[in-house]
Amino acid sequence: MLSLVTASALYLRWLPHHGLPILLLFAVSAGAALAIYLTQRRRYGASAYGVSRERVDADVNAVLWTAFAGVALGALGIGVVLAA
């Protein structure tokens, strides 16, 4: 989550050089960080319950959404840099 917030700040720093398309990168990065923050308590609670019953299930949705956000950020970043 903190790395996504840091990346969001870096994107805002690039705003004067690359223009408004950077705001799309900022929105994806900040949105992913916010989603992680808002679901953190539920995920930690589920993990704690899994540890107590000695069977922790993987949170496949969280992994897939995080991977999707990473791929989207990479593709958008390449697109913005090549467009400038």
PDB file of N, CA and C in Angstrom:
ATOM      1  N   MET A   1       0.819  -1.170   0.000  1.00  0.00           N
ATOM      2  CA  MET A   1       0.000   0.000   0.000  1.00  0.00           C
ATOM      3  C   MET A   1       0.884   1.262   0.000  1.00  0.00           C
ATOM      4  N   LEU A   2       1.893   1.281   0.840  1.00  0.00           N
ATOM      5  CA  LEU A   2       2.758   2.453   0.911  1.00  0.00           C
ATOM      6  C   LEU A   2       3.533   2.667  -0.386  1.00  0.00           C
ATOM      7  N   SER A   3       3.906   1.589  -1.035  1.00  0.00           N
ATOM      8  CA  SER A   3       4.622   1.752  -2.304  1.00  0.00           C
ATOM      9  C   SER A   3       3.701   2.339  -3.370  1.00  0.00           C
ATOM     10  N   LEU A   4       2.428   1.994  -3.355  1.00  0.00           N
ATOM     11  CA  LEU A   4       1.489   2.577  -4.311  1.00  0.00           C
ATOM     12  C   LEU A   4       1.247   4.053  -4.021  1.00  0.00           C
ATOM     13  N   VAL A   5       1.210   4.423  -2.758  1.00  0.00           N
ATOM     14  CA  VAL A   5       1.069   5.843  -2.405  1.00  0.00           C
ATOM     15  C   VAL A   5       2.309   6.614  -2.856  1.00  0.00           C
ATOM     16  N   THR A   6       3.489   6.023  -2.665  1.00  0.00           N
ATOM     17  CA  THR A   6       4.725   6.661  -3.123  1.00  0.00           C
ATOM     18  C   THR A   6       4.734   6.809  -4.640  1.00  0.00           C
ATOM     19  N   ALA A   7       4.295   5.774  -5.329  1.00  0.00           N
ATOM     20  CA  ALA A   7       4.222   5.857  -6.794  1.00  0.00           C
ATOM     21  C   ALA A   7       3.238   6.944  -7.222  1.00  0.00           C
ATOM     22  N   SER A   8       2.135   7.084  -6.504  1.00  0.00           N
ATOM     23  CA  SER A   8       1.168   8.144  -6.819  1.00  0.00           C
ATOM     24  C   SER A   8       1.807   9.521  -6.698  1.00  0.00           C
ATOM     25  N   ALA A   9       2.610   9.705  -5.667  1.00  0.00           N
ATOM     26  CA  ALA A   9       3.296  10.986  -5.498  1.00  0.00           C
ATOM     27  C   ALA A   9       4.291  11.238  -6.635  1.00  0.00           C
ATOM     28  N   LEU A  10       4.975  10.198  -7.062  1.00  0.00           N
ATOM     29  CA  LEU A  10       5.913  10.352  -8.181  1.00  0.00           C
ATOM     30  C   LEU A  10       5.178  10.702  -9.469  1.00  0.00           C
ATOM     31  N   TYR A  11       4.018  10.116  -9.679  1.00  0.00           N
ATOM     32  CA  TYR A  11       3.249  10.435 -10.878  1.00  0.00           C
ATOM     33  C   TYR A  11       2.850  11.908 -10.881  1.00  0.00           C
ATOM     34  N   LEU A  12       2.460  12.424  -9.725  1.00  0.00           N
ATOM     35  CA  LEU A  12       2.106  13.846  -9.667  1.00  0.00           C
ATOM     36  C   LEU A  12       3.308  14.729  -9.975  1.00  0.00           C
ATOM     37  N   ARG A  13       4.502  14.264  -9.619  1.00  0.00           N
ATOM     38  CA  ARG A  13       5.692  15.040  -9.931  1.00  0.00           C
ATOM     39  C   ARG A  13       5.938  15.098 -11.438  1.00  0.00           C
ATOM     40  N   TRP A  14       5.520  14.054 -12.161  1.00  0.00           N
ATOM     41  CA  TRP A  14       5.693  14.018 -13.608  1.00  0.00           C
ATOM     42  C   TRP A  14       4.627  14.810 -14.353  1.00  0.00           C
ATOM     43  N   LEU A  15       3.623  15.291 -13.660  1.00  0.00           N
ATOM     44  CA  LEU A  15       2.502  15.985 -14.299  1.00  0.00           C
ATOM     45  C   LEU A  15       2.924  17.157 -15.183  1.00  0.00           C
ATOM     46  N   PRO A  16       3.815  18.033 -14.757  1.00  0.00           N
ATOM     47  CA  PRO A  16       4.185  19.150 -15.643  1.00  0.00           C
ATOM     48  C   PRO A  16       4.888  18.704 -16.930  1.00  0.00           C
ATOM     49  N   HIS A  17       5.614  17.603 -16.869  1.00  0.00           N
ATOM     50  CA  HIS A  17       6.381  17.161 -18.038  1.00  0.00           C
ATOM     51  C   HIS A  17       5.535  16.353 -19.016  1.00  0.00           C
ATOM     52  N   HIS A  18       4.688  15.454 -18.505  1.00  0.00           N
ATOM     53  CA  HIS A  18       3.927  14.552 -19.369  1.00  0.00           C
ATOM     54  C   HIS A  18       2.470  14.962 -19.555  1.00  0.00           C
ATOM     55  N   GLY A  19       1.986  15.905 -18.790  1.00  0.00           N
ATOM     56  CA  GLY A  19       0.626  16.407 -18.989  1.00  0.00           C
ATOM     57  C   GLY A  19      -0.447  15.604 -18.265  1.00  0.00           C
ATOM     58  N   LEU A  20      -1.679  15.840 -18.663  1.00  0.00           N
ATOM     59  CA  LEU A  20      -2.834  15.278 -17.974  1.00  0.00           C
ATOM     60  C   LEU A  20      -2.972  13.747 -18.017  1.00  0.00           C
ATOM     61  N   PRO A  21      -2.428  13.045 -19.005  1.00  0.00           N
ATOM     62  CA  PRO A  21      -2.542  11.583 -18.954  1.00  0.00           C
ATOM     63  C   PRO A  21      -1.929  10.954 -17.699  1.00  0.00           C
ATOM     64  N   ILE A  22      -1.039  11.671 -17.044  1.00  0.00           N
ATOM     65  CA  ILE A  22      -0.447  11.169 -15.802  1.00  0.00           C
ATOM     66  C   ILE A  22      -1.506  11.008 -14.726  1.00  0.00           C
ATOM     67  N   LEU A  23      -2.569  11.796 -14.801  1.00  0.00           N
ATOM     68  CA  LEU A  23      -3.626  11.691 -13.793  1.00  0.00           C
ATOM     69  C   LEU A  23      -4.301  10.325 -13.832  1.00  0.00           C
ATOM     70  N   LEU A  24      -4.309   9.679 -14.986  1.00  0.00           N
ATOM     71  CA  LEU A  24      -4.857   8.327 -15.070  1.00  0.00           C
ATOM     72  C   LEU A  24      -3.974   7.345 -14.288  1.00  0.00           C
ATOM     73  N   LEU A  25      -2.671   7.487 -14.428  1.00  0.00           N
ATOM     74  CA  LEU A  25      -1.748   6.669 -13.629  1.00  0.00           C
ATOM     75  C   LEU A  25      -1.942   6.931 -12.141  1.00  0.00           C
ATOM     76  N   PHE A  26      -2.073   8.196 -11.782  1.00  0.00           N
ATOM     77  CA  PHE A  26      -2.294   8.551 -10.392  1.00  0.00           C
ATOM     78  C   PHE A  26      -3.588   7.927  -9.873  1.00  0.00           C
ATOM     79  N   ALA A  27      -4.645   7.974 -10.663  1.00  0.00           N
ATOM     80  CA  ALA A  27      -5.937   7.439 -10.235  1.00  0.00           C
ATOM     81  C   ALA A  27      -5.872   5.922 -10.027  1.00  0.00           C
ATOM     82  N   VAL A  28      -5.221   5.210 -10.929  1.00  0.00           N
ATOM     83  CA  VAL A  28      -5.108   3.749 -10.786  1.00  0.00           C
ATOM     84  C   VAL A  28      -4.278   3.402  -9.554  1.00  0.00           C
ATOM     85  N   SER A  29      -3.165   4.073  -9.380  1.00  0.00           N
ATOM     86  CA  SER A  29      -2.285   3.793  -8.250  1.00  0.00           C
ATOM     87  C   SER A  29      -2.944   4.155  -6.917  1.00  0.00           C
ATOM     88  N   ALA A  30      -3.535   5.328  -6.843  1.00  0.00           N
ATOM     89  CA  ALA A  30      -4.206   5.744  -5.610  1.00  0.00           C
ATOM     90  C   ALA A  30      -5.433   4.881  -5.337  1.00  0.00           C
ATOM     91  N   GLY A  31      -6.149   4.494  -6.377  1.00  0.00           N
ATOM     92  CA  GLY A  31      -7.314   3.615  -6.205  1.00  0.00           C
ATOM     93  C   GLY A  31      -6.924   2.242  -5.678  1.00  0.00           C
ATOM     94  N   ALA A  32      -5.838   1.698  -6.188  1.00  0.00           N
ATOM     95  CA  ALA A  32      -5.363   0.397  -5.698  1.00  0.00           C
ATOM     96  C   ALA A  32      -4.916   0.505  -4.248  1.00  0.00           C
ATOM     97  N   ALA A  33      -4.216   1.575  -3.900  1.00  0.00           N
ATOM     98  CA  ALA A  33      -3.795   1.768  -2.510  1.00  0.00           C
ATOM     99  C   ALA A  33      -4.993   1.915  -1.592  1.00  0.00           C
ATOM    100  N   LEU A  34      -6.001   2.650  -2.035  1.00  0.00           N
ATOM    101  CA  LEU A  34      -7.209   2.824  -1.226  1.00  0.00           C
ATOM    102  C   LEU A  34      -7.955   1.503  -1.054  1.00  0.00           C
ATOM    103  N   ALA A  35      -8.036   0.715  -2.117  1.00  0.00           N
ATOM    104  CA  ALA A  35      -8.710  -0.578  -2.022  1.00  0.00           C
ATOM    105  C   ALA A  35      -7.981  -1.506  -1.049  1.00  0.00           C
ATOM    106  N   ILE A  36      -6.670  -1.499  -1.086  1.00  0.00           N
ATOM    107  CA  ILE A  36      -5.889  -2.319  -0.157  1.00  0.00           C
ATOM    108  C   ILE A  36      -6.136  -1.850   1.274  1.00  0.00           C
ATOM    109  N   TYR A  37      -6.132  -0.544   1.470  1.00  0.00           N
ATOM    110  CA  TYR A  37      -6.336   0.000   2.816  1.00  0.00           C
ATOM    111  C   TYR A  37      -7.729  -0.339   3.353  1.00  0.00           C
ATOM    112  N   LEU A  38      -8.752  -0.211   2.508  1.00  0.00           N
ATOM    113  CA  LEU A  38     -10.119  -0.446   2.961  1.00  0.00           C
ATOM    114  C   LEU A  38     -10.427  -1.913   3.230  1.00  0.00           C
ATOM    115  N   THR A  39      -9.722  -2.826   2.569  1.00  0.00           N
ATOM    116  CA  THR A  39      -9.981  -4.254   2.773  1.00  0.00           C
ATOM    117  C   THR A  39      -8.980  -4.913   3.706  1.00  0.00           C
ATOM    118  N   GLN A  40      -8.066  -4.138   4.245  1.00  0.00           N
ATOM    119  CA  GLN A  40      -6.999  -4.688   5.067  1.00  0.00           C
ATOM    120  C   GLN A  40      -7.532  -5.369   6.332  1.00  0.00           C
ATOM    121  N   ARG A  41      -8.466  -4.749   7.027  1.00  0.00           N
ATOM    122  CA  ARG A  41      -8.995  -5.315   8.270  1.00  0.00           C
ATOM    123  C   ARG A  41      -9.681  -6.657   8.016  1.00  0.00           C
ATOM    124  N   ARG A  42     -10.471  -6.741   6.949  1.00  0.00           N
ATOM    125  CA  ARG A  42     -11.158  -7.996   6.624  1.00  0.00           C
ATOM    126  C   ARG A  42     -10.159  -9.093   6.297  1.00  0.00           C
ATOM    127  N   ARG A  43      -9.136  -8.750   5.500  1.00  0.00           N
ATOM    128  CA  ARG A  43      -8.142  -9.757   5.131  1.00  0.00           C
ATOM    129  C   ARG A  43      -7.336 -10.223   6.331  1.00  0.00           C
ATOM    130  N   TYR A  44      -6.942  -9.310   7.209  1.00  0.00           N
ATOM    131  CA  TYR A  44      -6.201  -9.699   8.408  1.00  0.00           C
ATOM    132  C   TYR A  44      -7.063 -10.539   9.337  1.00  0.00           C
ATOM    133  N   GLY A  45      -8.341 -10.193   9.441  1.00  0.00           N
ATOM    134  CA  GLY A  45      -9.251 -10.986  10.269  1.00  0.00           C
ATOM    135  C   GLY A  45      -9.404 -12.403   9.734  1.00  0.00           C
ATOM    136  N   ALA A  46      -9.538 -12.539   8.433  1.00  0.00           N
ATOM    137  CA  ALA A  46      -9.653 -13.863   7.817  1.00  0.00           C
ATOM    138  C   ALA A  46      -8.364 -14.655   8.009  1.00  0.00           C
ATOM    139  N   SER A  47      -7.224 -13.993   7.904  1.00  0.00           N
ATOM    140  CA  SER A  47      -5.948 -14.680   8.111  1.00  0.00           C
ATOM    141  C   SER A  47      -5.781 -15.119   9.560  1.00  0.00           C
ATOM    142  N   ALA A  48      -6.173 -14.272  10.491  1.00  0.00           N
ATOM    143  CA  ALA A  48      -6.082 -14.634  11.903  1.00  0.00           C
ATOM    144  C   ALA A  48      -6.988 -15.808  12.224  1.00  0.00           C
ATOM    145  N   TYR A  49      -8.187 -15.808  11.646  1.00  0.00           N
ATOM    146  CA  TYR A  49      -9.098 -16.929  11.848  1.00  0.00           C
ATOM    147  C   TYR A  49      -8.506 -18.205  11.252  1.00  0.00           C
ATOM    148  N   GLY A  50      -7.887 -18.097  10.080  1.00  0.00           N
ATOM    149  CA  GLY A  50      -7.260 -19.252   9.451  1.00  0.00           C
ATOM    150  C   GLY A  50      -6.099 -19.789  10.266  1.00  0.00           C
ATOM    151  N   VAL A  51      -5.308 -18.903  10.870  1.00  0.00           N
ATOM    152  CA  VAL A  51      -4.193 -19.343  11.709  1.00  0.00           C
ATOM    153  C   VAL A  51      -4.730 -20.058  12.941  1.00  0.00           C
ATOM    154  N   SER A  52      -5.806 -19.538  13.515  1.00  0.00           N
ATOM    155  CA  SER A  52      -6.354 -20.165  14.727  1.00  0.00           C
ATOM    156  C   SER A  52      -6.927 -21.550  14.446  1.00  0.00           C
ATOM    157  N   ARG A  53      -7.455 -21.777  13.264  1.00  0.00           N
ATOM    158  CA  ARG A  53      -7.957 -23.118  12.931  1.00  0.00           C
ATOM    159  C   ARG A  53      -6.937 -23.949  12.157  1.00  0.00           C
ATOM    160  N   GLU A  54      -5.717 -23.395  12.027  1.00  0.00           N
ATOM    161  CA  GLU A  54      -4.588 -24.069  11.392  1.00  0.00           C
ATOM    162  C   GLU A  54      -4.839 -24.418   9.932  1.00  0.00           C
ATOM    163  N   ARG A  55      -5.555 -23.558   9.260  1.00  0.00           N
ATOM    164  CA  ARG A  55      -5.798 -23.728   7.819  1.00  0.00           C
ATOM    165  C   ARG A  55      -6.070 -22.355   7.211  1.00  0.00           C
ATOM    166  N   VAL A  56      -5.071 -21.803   6.544  1.00  0.00           N
ATOM    167  CA  VAL A  56      -5.191 -20.480   5.945  1.00  0.00           C
ATOM    168  C   VAL A  56      -5.421 -20.648   4.447  1.00  0.00           C
ATOM    169  N   ASP A  57      -6.499 -20.060   3.970  1.00  0.00           N
ATOM    170  CA  ASP A  57      -6.807 -20.109   2.546  1.00  0.00           C
ATOM    171  C   ASP A  57      -6.221 -18.881   1.856  1.00  0.00           C
ATOM    172  N   ALA A  58      -5.761 -19.073   0.633  1.00  0.00           N
ATOM    173  CA  ALA A  58      -5.215 -17.954  -0.139  1.00  0.00           C
ATOM    174  C   ALA A  58      -6.340 -17.038  -0.592  1.00  0.00           C
ATOM    175  N   ASP A  59      -6.078 -15.747  -0.591  1.00  0.00           N
ATOM    176  CA  ASP A  59      -7.045 -14.763  -1.077  1.00  0.00           C
ATOM    177  C   ASP A  59      -6.747 -14.494  -2.546  1.00  0.00           C
ATOM    178  N   VAL A  60      -7.306 -15.334  -3.395  1.00  0.00           N
ATOM    179  CA  VAL A  60      -7.021 -15.284  -4.826  1.00  0.00           C
ATOM    180  C   VAL A  60      -7.484 -13.965  -5.439  1.00  0.00           C
ATOM    181  N   ASN A  61      -8.636 -13.464  -5.005  1.00  0.00           N
ATOM    182  CA  ASN A  61      -9.139 -12.201  -5.559  1.00  0.00           C
ATOM    183  C   ASN A  61      -8.181 -11.047  -5.294  1.00  0.00           C
ATOM    184  N   ALA A  62      -7.642 -10.977  -4.097  1.00  0.00           N
ATOM    185  CA  ALA A  62      -6.709  -9.891  -3.765  1.00  0.00           C
ATOM    186  C   ALA A  62      -5.455  -9.970  -4.629  1.00  0.00           C
ATOM    187  N   VAL A  63      -4.960 -11.171  -4.843  1.00  0.00           N
ATOM    188  CA  VAL A  63      -3.760 -11.341  -5.673  1.00  0.00           C
ATOM    189  C   VAL A  63      -4.051 -10.955  -7.120  1.00  0.00           C
ATOM    190  N   LEU A  64      -5.190 -11.375  -7.640  1.00  0.00           N
ATOM    191  CA  LEU A  64      -5.523 -11.062  -9.029  1.00  0.00           C
ATOM    192  C   LEU A  64      -5.746  -9.561  -9.238  1.00  0.00           C
ATOM    193  N   TRP A  65      -6.444  -8.905  -8.304  1.00  0.00           N
ATOM    194  CA  TRP A  65      -6.675  -7.468  -8.443  1.00  0.00           C
ATOM    195  C   TRP A  65      -5.371  -6.679  -8.333  1.00  0.00           C
ATOM    196  N   THR A  66      -4.487  -7.105  -7.443  1.00  0.00           N
ATOM    197  CA  THR A  66      -3.197  -6.426  -7.314  1.00  0.00           C
ATOM    198  C   THR A  66      -2.362  -6.633  -8.577  1.00  0.00           C
ATOM    199  N   ALA A  67      -2.384  -7.841  -9.122  1.00  0.00           N
ATOM    200  CA  ALA A  67      -1.657  -8.104 -10.370  1.00  0.00           C
ATOM    201  C   ALA A  67      -2.235  -7.282 -11.516  1.00  0.00           C
ATOM    202  N   PHE A  68      -3.554  -7.187 -11.575  1.00  0.00           N
ATOM    203  CA  PHE A  68      -4.202  -6.387 -12.615  1.00  0.00           C
ATOM    204  C   PHE A  68      -3.801  -4.920 -12.493  1.00  0.00           C
ATOM    205  N   ALA A  69      -3.773  -4.399 -11.268  1.00  0.00           N
ATOM    206  CA  ALA A  69      -3.374  -3.000 -11.060  1.00  0.00           C
ATOM    207  C   ALA A  69      -1.925  -2.788 -11.488  1.00  0.00           C
ATOM    208  N   GLY A  70      -1.051  -3.733 -11.191  1.00  0.00           N
ATOM    209  CA  GLY A  70       0.356  -3.622 -11.596  1.00  0.00           C
ATOM    210  C   GLY A  70       0.526  -3.647 -13.099  1.00  0.00           C
ATOM    211  N   VAL A  71      -0.187  -4.540 -13.763  1.00  0.00           N
ATOM    212  CA  VAL A  71      -0.108  -4.613 -15.225  1.00  0.00           C
ATOM    213  C   VAL A  71      -0.692  -3.350 -15.852  1.00  0.00           C
ATOM    214  N   ALA A  72      -1.801  -2.866 -15.312  1.00  0.00           N
ATOM    215  CA  ALA A  72      -2.424  -1.647 -15.828  1.00  0.00           C
ATOM    216  C   ALA A  72      -1.491  -0.449 -15.666  1.00  0.00           C
ATOM    217  N   LEU A  73      -0.848  -0.352 -14.510  1.00  0.00           N
ATOM    218  CA  LEU A  73       0.093   0.751 -14.286  1.00  0.00           C
ATOM    219  C   LEU A  73       1.270   0.677 -15.258  1.00  0.00           C
ATOM    220  N   GLY A  74       1.777  -0.522 -15.483  1.00  0.00           N
ATOM    221  CA  GLY A  74       2.879  -0.679 -16.426  1.00  0.00           C
ATOM    222  C   GLY A  74       2.489  -0.294 -17.838  1.00  0.00           C
ATOM    223  N   ALA A  75       1.335  -0.780 -18.277  1.00  0.00           N
ATOM    224  CA  ALA A  75       0.892  -0.476 -19.641  1.00  0.00           C
ATOM    225  C   ALA A  75       0.582   1.004 -19.808  1.00  0.00           C
ATOM    226  N   LEU A  76      -0.091   1.585 -18.827  1.00  0.00           N
ATOM    227  CA  LEU A  76      -0.395   3.015 -18.909  1.00  0.00           C
ATOM    228  C   LEU A  76       0.882   3.851 -18.858  1.00  0.00           C
ATOM    229  N   GLY A  77       1.846   3.457 -18.032  1.00  0.00           N
ATOM    230  CA  GLY A  77       3.100   4.181 -17.947  1.00  0.00           C
ATOM    231  C   GLY A  77       3.863   4.163 -19.249  1.00  0.00           C
ATOM    232  N   ILE A  78       3.917   3.007 -19.883  1.00  0.00           N
ATOM    233  CA  ILE A  78       4.580   2.916 -21.175  1.00  0.00           C
ATOM    234  C   ILE A  78       3.848   3.770 -22.206  1.00  0.00           C
ATOM    235  N   GLY A  79       2.534   3.712 -22.189  1.00  0.00           N
ATOM    236  CA  GLY A  79       1.751   4.519 -23.134  1.00  0.00           C
ATOM    237  C   GLY A  79       1.951   6.006 -22.959  1.00  0.00           C
ATOM    238  N   VAL A  80       1.990   6.459 -21.713  1.00  0.00           N
ATOM    239  CA  VAL A  80       2.170   7.891 -21.455  1.00  0.00           C
ATOM    240  C   VAL A  80       3.559   8.355 -21.874  1.00  0.00           C
ATOM    241  N   VAL A  81       4.567   7.555 -21.575  1.00  0.00           N
ATOM    242  CA  VAL A  81       5.937   7.945 -21.934  1.00  0.00           C
ATOM    243  C   VAL A  81       6.122   7.951 -23.453  1.00  0.00           C
ATOM    244  N   LEU A  82       5.564   6.969 -24.133  1.00  0.00           N
ATOM    245  CA  LEU A  82       5.708   6.936 -25.582  1.00  0.00           C
ATOM    246  C   LEU A  82       4.898   8.026 -26.271  1.00  0.00           C
ATOM    247  N   ALA A  83       3.797   8.448 -25.660  1.00  0.00           N
ATOM    248  CA  ALA A  83       2.958   9.490 -26.252  1.00  0.00           C
ATOM    249  C   ALA A  83       3.580  10.876 -26.100  1.00  0.00           C
ATOM    250  N   ALA A  84       4.446  11.027 -25.104  1.00  0.00           N
ATOM    251  CA  ALA A  84       5.009  12.368 -24.865  1.00  0.00           C
ATOM    252  C   ALA A  84       6.157  12.697 -25.770  1.00  0.00           C
TER     253      ALA A  84
END
